[in-house]
Amino acid sequence: MAEPQTIETTLTAKVEQALNTIRPYLEADGGDIRISEISKEGVLKVEFLGNCAGCTMSSMTFRAGVEEAVKRLVPEIRSVEAIN
């Protein structure tokens, strides 16, 4: 029997869906992104992986892609931070 979903798992699933909208673009350049933490205050912390971790364009990708997609699709998230 499956466990009932909590607010945290539902929120994580919604954030993953939002990240999946931009993930193909990151993967095309050899990178990816993962959720590091979602605080109770609605702060999402993400980590760039692969080529995105050291890319000089990652700050632009973060603002124009990640942050915009998450805030648009998951209004419960108040802010998004990249930890790397």
Protein backbone atom coordinates (compact mmCIF):
# COMPACT_ATOMS: atom_id res chain seq x y z
CA MET A 1 0.00 0.00 0.00
CA ALA A 2 1.37 3.41 -0.99
CA GLU A 3 1.99 6.00 1.68
CA PRO A 4 -0.17 9.13 1.49
CA GLN A 5 1.59 12.13 0.02
CA THR A 6 2.55 14.88 2.42
CA ILE A 7 2.63 18.56 1.60
CA GLU A 8 6.43 18.31 1.28
CA THR A 9 6.35 15.43 -1.22
CA THR A 10 3.63 17.15 -3.22
CA LEU A 11 5.63 20.39 -3.32
CA THR A 12 8.77 18.50 -4.32
CA ALA A 13 6.85 16.80 -7.13
CA LYS A 14 5.56 20.15 -8.37
CA VAL A 15 9.07 21.63 -8.33
CA GLU A 16 10.41 18.58 -10.21
CA GLN A 17 7.72 19.08 -12.85
CA ALA A 18 8.77 22.72 -13.21
CA LEU A 19 12.44 21.74 -13.49
CA ASN A 20 11.52 19.14 -16.09
CA THR A 21 10.35 21.96 -18.39
CA ILE A 22 13.90 23.33 -18.59
CA ARG A 23 15.87 20.14 -18.00
CA PRO A 24 16.14 19.22 -21.73
CA TYR A 25 17.99 22.49 -22.40
CA LEU A 26 20.44 21.81 -19.59
CA GLU A 27 20.96 18.21 -20.72
CA ALA A 28 21.62 19.37 -24.29
CA ASP A 29 24.69 21.16 -22.93
CA GLY A 30 25.80 18.23 -20.78
CA GLY A 31 24.32 19.50 -17.53
CA ASP A 32 21.42 18.99 -15.19
CA ILE A 33 19.90 20.38 -12.01
CA ARG A 34 18.72 18.86 -8.76
CA ILE A 35 16.75 20.00 -5.75
CA SER A 36 18.99 20.43 -2.75
CA GLU A 37 16.41 21.69 -0.26
CA ILE A 38 12.97 23.24 0.03
CA SER A 39 12.52 25.18 3.26
CA LYS A 40 9.26 25.61 5.14
CA GLU A 41 9.47 29.30 4.21
CA GLY A 42 9.28 28.45 0.50
CA VAL A 43 12.95 28.85 -0.37
CA LEU A 44 14.12 26.39 -3.01
CA LYS A 45 17.83 25.59 -3.18
CA VAL A 46 19.07 23.91 -6.34
CA GLU A 47 22.41 22.59 -7.49
CA PHE A 48 23.67 22.67 -11.06
CA LEU A 49 25.30 19.43 -12.18
CA GLY A 50 27.65 18.41 -14.98
CA ASN A 51 28.71 21.13 -17.39
CA CYS A 52 26.21 23.55 -15.83
CA ALA A 53 28.10 23.51 -12.52
CA GLY A 54 31.05 25.47 -13.89
CA CYS A 55 29.42 27.26 -16.80
CA THR A 56 29.89 31.02 -16.98
CA MET A 57 26.32 31.32 -18.31
CA SER A 58 24.75 29.46 -15.37
CA SER A 59 23.66 32.67 -13.64
CA MET A 60 21.72 33.73 -16.74
CA THR A 61 20.28 30.23 -17.11
CA PHE A 62 19.32 30.33 -13.46
CA ARG A 63 17.46 33.65 -13.60
CA ALA A 64 15.84 33.32 -17.03
CA GLY A 65 15.10 29.61 -16.92
CA VAL A 66 15.07 27.95 -13.54
CA GLU A 67 13.77 30.74 -11.34
CA GLU A 68 11.13 31.86 -13.85
CA ALA A 69 9.82 28.34 -14.51
CA VAL A 70 9.62 27.40 -10.84
CA LYS A 71 7.95 30.61 -9.68
CA ARG A 72 5.46 30.48 -12.56
CA LEU A 73 4.48 26.84 -12.02
CA VAL A 74 4.89 26.58 -8.24
CA PRO A 75 3.64 29.78 -6.58
CA GLU A 76 4.34 28.31 -3.14
CA ILE A 77 8.04 28.86 -3.83
CA ARG A 78 8.95 32.39 -2.75
CA SER A 79 12.59 32.39 -3.82
CA VAL A 80 15.09 30.20 -5.63
CA GLU A 81 18.80 29.99 -4.82
CA ALA A 82 21.62 28.18 -6.60
CA ILE A 83 24.03 26.66 -4.10
CA ASN A 84 26.91 26.43 -6.57
